[in-house]
Structure formats: structure tokens, C-alpha cells
N, C-alpha and C. Protein backbone atom coordinates (compact mmCIF):
# COMPACT_ATOMS: atom_id res chain seq x y z
N MET A 1 10.15 40.14 -122.30
CA MET A 1 8.78 39.80 -122.61
C MET A 1 7.91 40.25 -121.44
N THR A 2 6.77 40.73 -121.76
CA THR A 2 5.79 41.13 -120.76
C THR A 2 4.70 40.07 -120.72
N ALA A 3 4.28 39.70 -119.51
CA ALA A 3 3.23 38.70 -119.37
C ALA A 3 2.25 39.16 -118.30
N THR A 4 1.00 38.80 -118.47
CA THR A 4 -0.02 39.09 -117.47
C THR A 4 -0.47 37.77 -116.87
N VAL A 5 -0.53 37.74 -115.55
CA VAL A 5 -0.93 36.52 -114.86
C VAL A 5 -2.12 36.85 -113.98
N ARG A 6 -3.17 36.07 -114.10
CA ARG A 6 -4.35 36.26 -113.26
C ARG A 6 -4.33 35.20 -112.17
N LEU A 7 -4.38 35.65 -110.92
CA LEU A 7 -4.37 34.74 -109.78
C LEU A 7 -5.68 34.87 -109.03
N ASP A 8 -6.13 33.76 -108.46
CA ASP A 8 -7.30 33.85 -107.60
C ASP A 8 -6.89 34.60 -106.33
N GLU A 9 -7.86 35.07 -105.56
CA GLU A 9 -7.58 35.91 -104.40
C GLU A 9 -6.70 35.21 -103.37
N LYS A 10 -6.97 33.94 -103.14
CA LYS A 10 -6.21 33.19 -102.14
C LYS A 10 -4.72 33.09 -102.53
N THR A 11 -4.47 32.76 -103.79
CA THR A 11 -3.09 32.64 -104.26
C THR A 11 -2.39 33.99 -104.25
N GLU A 12 -3.11 35.03 -104.66
CA GLU A 12 -2.52 36.37 -104.65
C GLU A 12 -2.14 36.78 -103.23
N ALA A 13 -3.01 36.50 -102.27
CA ALA A 13 -2.72 36.84 -100.87
C ALA A 13 -1.49 36.09 -100.37
N ARG A 14 -1.39 34.81 -100.74
CA ARG A 14 -0.22 34.03 -100.31
C ARG A 14 1.07 34.58 -100.90
N VAL A 15 1.02 34.96 -102.18
CA VAL A 15 2.21 35.53 -102.82
C VAL A 15 2.58 36.85 -102.16
N ARG A 16 1.60 37.71 -101.93
CA ARG A 16 1.89 39.01 -101.30
C ARG A 16 2.48 38.82 -99.89
N ARG A 17 1.92 37.88 -99.12
CA ARG A 17 2.46 37.60 -97.78
C ARG A 17 3.91 37.14 -97.85
N LEU A 18 4.19 36.26 -98.78
CA LEU A 18 5.55 35.75 -98.94
C LEU A 18 6.51 36.88 -99.32
N LEU A 19 6.06 37.73 -100.23
CA LEU A 19 6.91 38.84 -100.65
C LEU A 19 7.15 39.82 -99.50
N GLU A 20 6.14 40.04 -98.67
CA GLU A 20 6.31 40.92 -97.50
C GLU A 20 7.32 40.32 -96.52
N GLN A 21 7.25 39.01 -96.32
CA GLN A 21 8.15 38.34 -95.38
C GLN A 21 9.59 38.29 -95.90
N LYS A 22 9.73 37.90 -97.15
CA LYS A 22 11.07 37.66 -97.71
C LYS A 22 11.64 38.88 -98.41
N GLY A 23 10.77 39.81 -98.77
CA GLY A 23 11.25 40.96 -99.55
C GLY A 23 11.34 40.58 -101.02
N GLY A 24 11.67 41.52 -101.83
CA GLY A 24 11.77 41.27 -103.26
C GLY A 24 10.53 41.73 -103.98
N SER A 25 10.66 41.75 -105.28
CA SER A 25 9.55 42.25 -106.11
C SER A 25 8.74 41.08 -106.67
N LEU A 26 7.53 41.40 -107.06
CA LEU A 26 6.67 40.41 -107.69
C LEU A 26 7.30 39.92 -109.00
N SER A 27 7.89 40.84 -109.73
CA SER A 27 8.53 40.49 -110.99
C SER A 27 9.65 39.48 -110.77
N ALA A 28 10.49 39.70 -109.76
CA ALA A 28 11.59 38.79 -109.47
C ALA A 28 11.05 37.42 -109.04
N PHE A 29 9.96 37.43 -108.26
CA PHE A 29 9.34 36.18 -107.81
C PHE A 29 8.83 35.37 -109.00
N VAL A 30 8.12 36.02 -109.91
CA VAL A 30 7.58 35.32 -111.09
C VAL A 30 8.72 34.83 -111.97
N HIS A 31 9.74 35.64 -112.14
CA HIS A 31 10.90 35.25 -112.94
C HIS A 31 11.53 33.98 -112.36
N ALA A 32 11.74 33.95 -111.05
CA ALA A 32 12.34 32.78 -110.40
C ALA A 32 11.43 31.55 -110.52
N ALA A 33 10.13 31.75 -110.39
CA ALA A 33 9.19 30.63 -110.49
C ALA A 33 9.19 30.03 -111.89
N VAL A 34 9.23 30.88 -112.90
CA VAL A 34 9.25 30.40 -114.28
C VAL A 34 10.56 29.67 -114.56
N ALA A 35 11.67 30.23 -114.10
CA ALA A 35 12.98 29.59 -114.31
C ALA A 35 13.03 28.23 -113.63
N GLU A 36 12.48 28.13 -112.42
CA GLU A 36 12.45 26.86 -111.69
C GLU A 36 11.61 25.82 -112.44
N LYS A 37 10.46 26.22 -112.94
CA LYS A 37 9.58 25.31 -113.68
C LYS A 37 10.26 24.82 -114.96
N LEU A 38 10.93 25.73 -115.66
CA LEU A 38 11.62 25.33 -116.89
C LEU A 38 12.74 24.34 -116.59
N GLU A 39 13.46 24.53 -115.51
CA GLU A 39 14.53 23.62 -115.12
C GLU A 39 13.97 22.24 -114.78
N ARG A 40 12.87 22.20 -114.04
CA ARG A 40 12.25 20.91 -113.69
C ARG A 40 11.78 20.18 -114.94
N GLU A 41 11.17 20.90 -115.87
CA GLU A 41 10.67 20.27 -117.10
C GLU A 41 11.83 19.74 -117.94
N ALA A 42 12.95 20.44 -117.95
CA ALA A 42 14.11 20.00 -118.73
C ALA A 42 14.69 18.71 -118.17
N GLN A 43 14.51 18.47 -116.88
CA GLN A 43 15.07 17.28 -116.25
C GLN A 43 14.13 16.08 -116.33
N LYS A 44 12.90 16.29 -116.77
CA LYS A 44 11.95 15.18 -116.87
C LYS A 44 12.38 14.25 -118.00
N PRO A 45 12.37 12.95 -117.76
CA PRO A 45 12.71 12.03 -118.84
C PRO A 45 11.60 12.01 -119.90
N THR A 46 12.00 11.76 -121.12
CA THR A 46 11.03 11.66 -122.21
C THR A 46 10.31 10.31 -122.11
N PRO A 47 9.17 10.17 -122.77
CA PRO A 47 8.50 8.87 -122.76
C PRO A 47 9.41 7.74 -123.24
N TYR A 48 10.25 8.03 -124.24
CA TYR A 48 11.18 7.01 -124.73
C TYR A 48 12.16 6.60 -123.63
N GLU A 49 12.73 7.58 -122.94
CA GLU A 49 13.68 7.28 -121.87
C GLU A 49 13.04 6.45 -120.75
N LEU A 50 11.77 6.72 -120.47
CA LEU A 50 11.08 5.96 -119.43
C LEU A 50 10.89 4.49 -119.80
N GLY A 51 10.71 4.20 -121.09
CA GLY A 51 10.39 2.84 -121.48
C GLY A 51 11.44 2.13 -122.31
N LYS A 52 12.59 2.77 -122.55
CA LYS A 52 13.55 2.17 -123.48
C LYS A 52 14.06 0.80 -123.03
N HIS A 53 14.08 0.55 -121.73
CA HIS A 53 14.52 -0.76 -121.26
C HIS A 53 13.48 -1.85 -121.55
N LEU A 54 12.27 -1.46 -121.91
CA LEU A 54 11.20 -2.42 -122.20
C LEU A 54 11.02 -2.68 -123.69
N PHE A 55 11.43 -1.76 -124.54
CA PHE A 55 11.16 -1.87 -125.97
C PHE A 55 11.89 -3.07 -126.59
N GLY A 56 11.12 -3.92 -127.24
CA GLY A 56 11.68 -5.05 -127.94
C GLY A 56 12.08 -6.21 -127.05
N ARG A 57 11.77 -6.17 -125.79
CA ARG A 57 12.21 -7.19 -124.85
C ARG A 57 11.54 -8.54 -125.07
N ASP A 58 10.25 -8.55 -125.26
CA ASP A 58 9.52 -9.81 -125.30
C ASP A 58 9.29 -10.34 -126.71
N LEU A 59 9.81 -9.66 -127.70
CA LEU A 59 9.55 -10.09 -129.06
C LEU A 59 10.43 -11.26 -129.47
N GLY A 60 11.66 -11.28 -129.02
CA GLY A 60 12.57 -12.35 -129.39
C GLY A 60 12.80 -12.35 -130.89
N GLY A 61 13.25 -13.45 -131.42
CA GLY A 61 13.47 -13.55 -132.85
C GLY A 61 14.79 -12.96 -133.27
N PRO A 62 15.07 -13.05 -134.56
CA PRO A 62 16.35 -12.55 -135.07
C PRO A 62 16.45 -11.03 -134.94
N PRO A 63 17.66 -10.54 -134.71
CA PRO A 63 17.82 -9.09 -134.53
C PRO A 63 17.59 -8.29 -135.81
N ASP A 64 17.65 -8.94 -136.98
CA ASP A 64 17.46 -8.24 -138.25
C ASP A 64 16.08 -8.51 -138.86
N LEU A 65 15.13 -8.88 -138.03
CA LEU A 65 13.80 -9.23 -138.52
C LEU A 65 13.15 -8.11 -139.32
N ALA A 66 13.29 -6.88 -138.87
CA ALA A 66 12.66 -5.76 -139.57
C ALA A 66 13.24 -5.58 -140.97
N GLU A 67 14.52 -5.83 -141.10
CA GLU A 67 15.18 -5.64 -142.40
C GLU A 67 14.97 -6.82 -143.34
N ASN A 68 14.88 -8.02 -142.78
CA ASN A 68 14.79 -9.23 -143.60
C ASN A 68 13.50 -10.00 -143.37
N HIS A 69 12.42 -9.28 -143.14
CA HIS A 69 11.16 -9.95 -142.84
C HIS A 69 10.67 -10.87 -143.97
N LYS A 70 10.92 -10.49 -145.22
CA LYS A 70 10.48 -11.33 -146.34
C LYS A 70 11.19 -12.68 -146.31
N LYS A 71 12.48 -12.65 -146.03
CA LYS A 71 13.26 -13.88 -145.96
C LYS A 71 12.71 -14.81 -144.88
N TYR A 72 12.46 -14.26 -143.71
CA TYR A 72 11.96 -15.07 -142.61
C TYR A 72 10.54 -15.57 -142.86
N PHE A 73 9.73 -14.75 -143.52
CA PHE A 73 8.37 -15.18 -143.86
C PHE A 73 8.41 -16.36 -144.84
N LYS A 74 9.27 -16.25 -145.86
CA LYS A 74 9.39 -17.35 -146.83
C LYS A 74 9.85 -18.63 -146.14
N GLU A 75 10.81 -18.50 -145.22
CA GLU A 75 11.29 -19.69 -144.51
C GLU A 75 10.17 -20.33 -143.70
N LYS A 76 9.37 -19.53 -143.04
CA LYS A 76 8.26 -20.07 -142.24
C LYS A 76 7.23 -20.75 -143.14
N MET A 77 6.92 -20.13 -144.28
CA MET A 77 5.93 -20.71 -145.19
C MET A 77 6.43 -22.03 -145.77
N ARG A 78 7.71 -22.08 -146.15
CA ARG A 78 8.28 -23.34 -146.69
C ARG A 78 8.22 -24.42 -145.64
N ALA A 79 8.59 -24.08 -144.39
CA ALA A 79 8.57 -25.07 -143.31
C ALA A 79 7.16 -25.56 -143.05
N LYS A 80 6.18 -24.67 -143.13
CA LYS A 80 4.80 -25.04 -142.89
C LYS A 80 4.30 -26.02 -143.94
N HIS A 81 4.65 -25.76 -145.22
CA HIS A 81 4.13 -26.59 -146.31
C HIS A 81 4.93 -27.87 -146.51
N ARG A 82 6.06 -28.00 -145.88
CA ARG A 82 6.83 -29.25 -145.96
C ARG A 82 6.20 -30.34 -145.11
N ARG A 83 5.42 -29.99 -144.16
CA ARG A 83 4.83 -30.97 -143.23
C ARG A 83 3.93 -31.93 -143.91
């Protein structure tokens, strides 16, 4: 794939200086930078992974509430009207 990257003058000068010091081509530098960024992004946890220890913690109640909500609602209503 071919890509065009526009850099401001300061960034371009820094890249050129680095390439002069370390050697190598601009293409190899950009390739390595893109590969490094992709690797970092792949290691980032997803929003779910960040919060999974919190999900459902404070709700309490029966573990099958989502599946049997009608049953639990009826029980609550009967208990309320028995008073």
C-alpha cells in the first residue's frame, strides 16, 4: 500500500535528523512506527475488559432476574397487596 503523510516542518526536521543519526530509510521508519502503533492498540483493553469487574456488582437480587423478571414482579406485587 502506498500512503502519503504530511508533516509540519518541525516534525519533518526531527524525523530527518533521526534518520541521519541512525541511518535507514524514511519508508522503513514509517513502517516501524505504524507497526508499533498497531501493536500498542492491540494490547489496549476493551471498555468491557476495563469495567467487567464492576458490572452487576451493586444490583444484588437473584441471579436469574433477567430471565424470570415476571415471576419476581408478581411475587413483589402479591407481597405488597397482602399488607
